[in-house]
Protein backbone atom coordinates (compact mmCIF):
# COMPACT_ATOMS: atom_id res chain seq x y z
CA ARG A 1 209.29 216.97 136.74
CA SER A 2 211.73 219.66 138.22
CA SER A 3 208.95 221.50 139.93
CA TYR A 4 205.12 221.45 140.31
CA SER A 5 204.99 225.07 139.38
CA CYS A 6 207.08 224.76 136.05
CA CYS A 7 205.66 225.16 132.55
CA TYR A 8 207.16 224.01 129.30
CA PHE A 9 207.28 224.54 125.59
CA VAL A 10 208.70 221.92 123.26
CA LEU A 11 209.21 222.00 119.39
CA PRO A 12 209.71 218.22 118.48
CA CYS A 13 212.15 217.67 115.66
CA CYS A 14 214.40 214.48 115.67
CA PHE A 15 212.68 211.26 116.47
CA PHE A 16 214.17 210.28 119.80
CA ASP A 17 212.80 208.39 122.86
CA PHE A 18 214.21 208.57 126.38
CA HIS A 19 216.97 205.93 125.70
CA GLY A 20 217.57 206.19 121.94
CA LYS A 21 215.80 206.45 118.59
CA TYR A 22 212.04 206.46 118.58
CA SER A 23 210.67 203.18 117.09
CA ARG A 24 207.52 203.39 115.07
CA ARG A 25 204.63 201.38 116.25
CA GLN A 26 201.72 202.41 114.06
CA SER A 27 201.60 202.27 110.19
CA LYS A 28 198.32 204.31 109.81
CA LYS A 29 200.02 207.48 110.80
CA THR A 30 202.96 209.33 109.34
CA GLN A 31 206.27 209.10 111.34
CA TYR A 32 205.99 212.79 112.29
CA ARG A 33 202.45 212.59 113.48
CA GLU A 34 203.14 209.37 115.56
CA TYR A 35 206.15 211.13 117.12
CA LEU A 36 204.14 214.24 118.03
CA ASP A 37 201.46 211.96 119.71
CA PHE A 38 204.27 210.38 121.75
CA VAL A 39 205.70 213.78 122.79
CA ALA A 40 202.14 214.78 123.71
CA GLN A 41 201.73 211.54 125.66
CA VAL A 42 204.72 212.37 127.78
CA GLY A 43 203.31 215.65 128.70
CA PHE A 44 199.91 214.09 129.80
CA VAL A 45 201.60 211.34 131.74
CA CYS A 46 203.63 214.08 133.55
CA GLY A 47 200.38 215.64 134.47
CA PHE A 48 199.98 218.64 132.14
CA HIS A 49 197.19 220.06 130.20
CA VAL A 50 199.00 219.89 126.86
CA GLU A 51 198.15 222.45 124.21
CA GLU A 52 199.21 221.89 120.58
CA ASP A 53 200.13 224.87 118.34
CA CYS A 54 201.55 225.40 114.85
CA LEU A 55 204.28 227.90 114.73
CA ARG A 56 204.64 230.48 111.86
CA ILE A 57 208.19 229.51 110.98
CA PRO A 58 209.72 228.42 107.58
CA SER A 59 210.09 224.67 108.70
CA THR A 60 208.33 221.47 107.98
CA LYS A 61 208.71 220.66 111.73
CA ARG A 62 206.64 223.44 113.34
CA VAL A 63 204.17 221.80 115.56
CA SER A 64 204.73 222.67 119.13
CA PHE A 65 203.44 221.68 122.57
CA ILE A 66 202.87 223.94 125.56
CA GLY A 67 202.13 222.76 129.13
CA LYS A 68 200.96 225.65 131.21
CA SER A 69 198.75 223.97 133.90
CA ARG A 70 198.60 220.81 135.77
CA THR A 71 195.82 218.10 135.74
CA TYR A 72 196.35 217.22 139.42
CA PRO A 73 196.57 219.04 142.79
CA ALA A 74 199.99 219.74 144.36
CA ALA A 75 199.31 217.14 147.08
CA GLU A 76 199.50 214.39 144.47
CA HIS A 77 202.93 215.35 143.12
CA ALA A 78 204.65 212.36 144.68
CA LEU A 79 202.13 209.97 143.20
CA ILE A 80 202.45 211.48 139.75
CA ASP A 81 206.28 211.35 140.10
CA LYS A 82 206.13 207.64 140.76
CA GLN A 83 203.89 207.27 137.65
CA ILE A 84 206.44 209.15 135.56
CA THR A 85 209.20 206.79 136.83
CA GLN A 86 207.23 203.77 135.76
CA PHE A 87 206.42 205.35 132.38
CA ILE A 88 210.28 206.14 131.69
CA ASN A 89 211.21 202.59 132.66
CA SER A 90 208.46 201.10 130.60
CA ARG A 91 209.76 202.71 127.42
CA ARG A 92 212.97 200.77 127.59
CA THR A 93 211.55 197.39 126.49
CA CYS A 94 207.75 197.46 126.53
CA ALA A 95 205.42 197.91 123.53
CA VAL A 96 202.91 200.64 123.45
CA ALA A 97 200.21 198.33 124.78
CA MET A 98 202.30 197.46 127.79
CA CYS A 99 203.14 201.15 128.50
CA ASP A 100 199.44 201.99 128.17
CA ARG A 101 198.65 199.37 130.83
CA ARG A 102 201.37 200.27 133.32
CA VAL A 103 200.61 204.08 133.21
CA GLY A 104 196.96 204.04 132.32
CA PHE A 105 197.32 205.92 129.09
CA ASN A 106 194.78 205.65 126.33
CA HIS A 107 195.68 206.74 122.78
CA LYS A 108 192.01 207.42 122.04
CA ASN A 109 191.95 210.01 124.88
CA HIS A 110 195.11 211.79 125.64
CA CYS A 111 194.15 212.15 129.39
CA GLY A 112 193.11 208.52 129.53
CA GLY A 113 192.01 208.53 133.23
CA LEU A 114 195.29 210.20 134.34
CA CYS A 115 193.92 213.70 133.91
CA LYS A 116 191.95 215.22 136.75
CA GLU A 117 191.12 218.79 136.99
CA ALA A 118 193.40 220.59 139.36
CA ASP A 119 191.33 221.59 142.32
CA SER A 120 194.13 223.52 144.11
CA GLU A 121 196.61 226.13 143.11
CA PRO A 122 200.23 225.49 143.52
CA PRO A 123 201.73 227.30 146.66
CA GLU A 124 203.27 230.70 145.95
CA ASP A 125 206.59 229.79 147.55
CA GLU A 126 206.92 226.62 145.51
CA THR A 127 210.69 226.19 145.17
CA GLU A 128 210.97 222.41 144.62
CA THR A 129 213.81 221.58 142.30
CA ALA A 130 215.23 218.52 140.77
CA GLY A 131 217.01 216.45 143.38
CA THR A 132 218.84 213.24 143.43
CA ASN A 133 215.72 211.19 144.03
CA TRP A 134 214.92 210.82 140.30
CA MET A 135 218.07 211.77 138.45
CA PRO A 136 221.29 211.21 140.48
CA GLY A 137 224.34 213.23 139.41
CA PHE A 138 222.27 215.42 137.01
CA GLN A 139 224.03 218.67 136.04
CA PRO A 140 221.86 221.18 134.13
CA ARG A 141 223.43 223.29 131.32
CA GLU A 142 224.78 226.64 132.48
CA LYS A 143 222.44 229.58 131.92
CA VAL A 144 225.01 231.29 129.79
CA GLU A 145 226.52 228.88 127.40
CA GLN A 146 230.30 229.32 126.86
CA ILE A 147 231.41 229.98 123.28
CA ARG A 148 234.14 227.60 122.46
CA ASN A 149 234.53 227.71 118.68
CA CYS A 150 237.63 230.09 118.81
CA ALA A 151 235.38 233.08 118.00
CA SER A 152 235.85 234.52 121.47
CA LEU A 153 239.70 234.25 121.60
CA PRO A 154 241.54 237.61 121.80
CA ARG A 155 242.09 239.14 118.31
CA ASP A 156 245.88 239.72 118.93
CA PHE A 157 246.28 236.07 119.87
CA VAL A 158 244.52 234.85 116.76
CA ASP A 159 246.54 237.24 114.50
CA GLU A 160 249.74 235.95 116.08
CA VAL A 161 248.80 232.34 115.43
CA VAL A 162 247.75 233.05 111.82
CA LEU A 163 250.94 234.89 111.18
CA ASN A 164 253.08 232.20 112.73
CA VAL A 165 251.41 229.35 110.74
CA ALA A 166 251.44 231.28 107.54
CA ASN A 167 255.22 231.97 107.93
CA LEU A 168 255.74 228.35 108.76
CA LEU A 169 254.08 227.27 105.45
CA LEU A 170 255.89 229.90 103.38
CA ASN A 171 259.36 229.02 104.77
CA ALA A 172 258.72 225.33 104.05
CA ALA A 173 259.00 226.11 100.35
CA PRO A 174 261.90 227.59 98.61
CA GLN A 175 261.72 231.31 98.41
CA LYS A 176 260.56 232.65 95.02
CA SER A 177 261.18 236.15 93.80
CA CYS A 178 258.18 237.98 92.20
CA SER A 179 259.32 239.17 88.74
CA ASP A 180 256.24 241.20 87.93
CA LYS A 181 254.00 242.61 90.57
CA GLN A 182 252.36 245.26 88.35
CA GLY A 183 248.54 244.85 88.14
CA GLY A 184 248.78 241.83 90.38
CA ASN A 185 250.32 239.49 87.79
CA MET A 186 252.41 237.16 89.98
CA ASN A 187 253.26 234.08 88.14
CA THR A 188 255.84 233.25 90.72
CA TRP A 189 253.70 234.04 93.75
CA ASN A 190 254.86 232.04 96.73
CA GLN A 191 251.94 229.74 97.98
CA GLY A 192 254.24 227.92 100.32
CA GLU A 193 253.92 224.13 101.09
CA SER A 194 251.07 222.20 102.78
CA LEU A 195 251.65 220.73 106.25
CA SER A 196 249.61 218.35 108.31
CA LEU A 197 247.76 219.81 111.35
CA ARG A 198 250.12 217.69 113.60
CA GLU A 199 253.26 219.19 111.84
CA VAL A 200 251.84 222.62 112.33
CA ALA A 201 250.95 221.96 116.02
CA GLU A 202 254.56 220.72 116.62
CA HIS A 203 256.00 224.11 115.66
CA LEU A 204 253.65 226.12 118.02
CA ASN A 205 254.60 226.84 121.68
CA LYS A 206 253.05 225.10 124.66
CA GLU A 207 251.15 228.00 125.83
CA THR A 208 249.44 228.51 122.46
CA LEU A 209 248.52 224.90 122.19
CA LYS A 210 247.11 224.89 125.86
CA LYS A 211 244.99 227.83 124.98
CA LEU A 212 243.60 226.24 121.79
CA LYS A 213 242.97 222.91 123.58
CA SER A 214 240.18 224.43 125.52
CA GLU A 215 238.34 225.31 122.32
CA TYR A 216 236.22 222.92 120.29
CA GLY A 217 238.30 221.77 117.29
CA GLY A 218 241.28 223.73 118.60
CA LEU A 219 243.86 224.52 115.96
CA GLN A 220 241.79 223.26 113.00
CA THR A 221 238.80 225.40 113.94
CA LEU A 222 240.96 228.53 114.27
CA LEU A 223 242.52 228.12 110.84
CA LYS A 224 239.18 227.26 109.27
CA ASN A 225 237.73 230.47 110.79
CA ASN A 226 240.50 232.41 109.10
CA HIS A 227 239.53 231.10 105.61
CA GLN A 228 240.85 234.37 103.94
CA VAL A 229 244.35 233.04 104.61
CA PHE A 230 244.07 229.22 104.89
CA GLU A 231 242.43 226.21 103.38
CA VAL A 232 242.23 223.03 105.40
CA LEU A 233 241.64 219.84 103.36
CA ASN A 234 241.88 216.37 104.56
CA GLY A 235 243.77 217.22 107.63
CA ARG A 236 246.42 219.33 105.68
CA VAL A 237 246.83 223.09 105.90
CA HIS A 238 247.47 225.22 102.72
CA ILE A 239 247.78 228.92 102.11
CA ARG A 240 244.80 229.95 100.05
CA ASP A 241 245.38 231.10 96.53
CA TRP A 242 242.61 233.50 95.57
CA ARG A 243 243.45 233.12 91.90
CA LYS A 244 242.02 229.63 91.94
CA GLU A 245 238.83 230.64 93.66
CA LYS A 246 235.75 230.40 91.47
CA PRO A 247 234.28 233.86 90.59
CA PRO A 248 230.66 234.54 91.66
CA SER A 249 228.09 232.96 89.28
CA LYS A 250 226.66 235.31 86.65
CA THR A 251 223.41 233.31 86.68
CA LYS A 252 222.48 234.90 90.03
CA PRO A 253 219.67 237.51 90.04
CA GLU A 254 220.94 241.07 89.69
CA VAL A 255 219.69 241.89 93.23
CA LYS A 256 221.66 239.00 94.69
CA ARG A 257 224.80 239.96 92.79
CA ARG A 258 224.53 243.42 93.99
CA LEU A 259 224.12 242.46 97.57
CA SER A 260 227.03 240.09 97.59
CA ALA A 261 229.24 242.77 96.09
CA GLU A 262 228.41 245.10 98.85
CA VAL A 263 230.12 242.94 101.45
CA PHE A 264 233.44 243.17 99.67
CA LYS A 265 236.29 245.50 100.93
CA THR A 266 234.95 245.49 104.55
CA ARG A 267 238.26 243.89 105.75
CA LEU A 268 241.94 244.51 104.95
CA CYS A 269 243.61 242.01 102.71
CA TRP A 270 245.88 239.89 104.91
CA PHE A 271 248.13 239.03 101.86
CA PHE A 272 248.59 242.66 100.92
CA ILE A 273 249.82 243.39 104.45
CA HIS A 274 251.76 240.30 105.34
CA HIS A 275 252.64 238.12 102.31
CA PRO A 276 256.26 238.77 101.12
CA ASP A 277 254.83 238.78 97.42
CA GLY A 278 251.69 240.85 98.30
CA CYS A 279 248.30 239.74 97.14
CA SER A 280 248.11 237.39 94.26
CA LEU A 281 245.16 239.48 92.91
CA PRO A 282 245.00 243.03 91.66
CA SER A 283 243.11 245.44 93.90
CA GLU A 284 240.01 245.57 91.61
CA ALA A 285 239.75 241.73 91.68
CA CYS A 286 240.45 241.09 95.50
CA PRO A 287 237.39 240.92 97.73
CA TYR A 288 239.42 242.55 100.48
CA ALA A 289 240.90 246.02 100.84
CA HIS A 290 244.40 246.83 99.55
CA GLY A 291 244.79 249.70 102.07
CA ILE A 292 242.75 251.58 104.44
CA GLU A 293 241.46 253.98 101.76
CA GLU A 294 239.57 251.09 100.01
CA LEU A 295 237.71 249.94 103.09
CA ARG A 296 233.91 250.32 102.94
């Protein structure tokens, strides 16, 4: 509808209509097939020669539709646009039979009298775009979608927040001395206390909170992204104790075990560098590098 010269590709998945969930109207078809027919119907009502194709992808929802050419000349664009408006409005409350009558659609023939072979080519300088006539206030998505899951935040800013939160959790518990650090045996390893996200946020400065507020999920997302250090459960933040993590399953095929082992030691161990008691695991058991010399 945005332009006479536009083309489209659609891969239907979830069953939605213009104004909510799609309601089934035929019991002789599967829900998926009925919905595909509806999506194809939309294309035909909008004046497209709709082509159906099956994609070679590992999914059960792989039937797609392509509209590359129109069924009417450019001069009839305004008439078809009025027909589209009627069709959209009719989907609010009308049954299929009423919709068919109002837009002239026939399920037995997708074109159903609406389709006429285009007898003229669209003008080369066709620049018509979506205006306020049929969708007032419409704002299309930006061409480049902004990443707002904390992944694009500066690394030094993230490291500073992680260190501040970790120190906050460690200082909330009584300091414990480590009696035996040889071989990673740390029975008195300080895991700190758990605090709610609100309590953690109260200890961060305003500038940090302002920066996190512009990200989806904010502080919680940042802490979950740094799962090497933190564990967030039921709105509470804990320092992760890697001694409690389940070891990789030995039932996995040898190839998968070998591949998963190859991703170890690609990052430095945060606990080895920053934790007052060091890492709770010995070097050979920790999935992270205890020093630059161990990095892969």
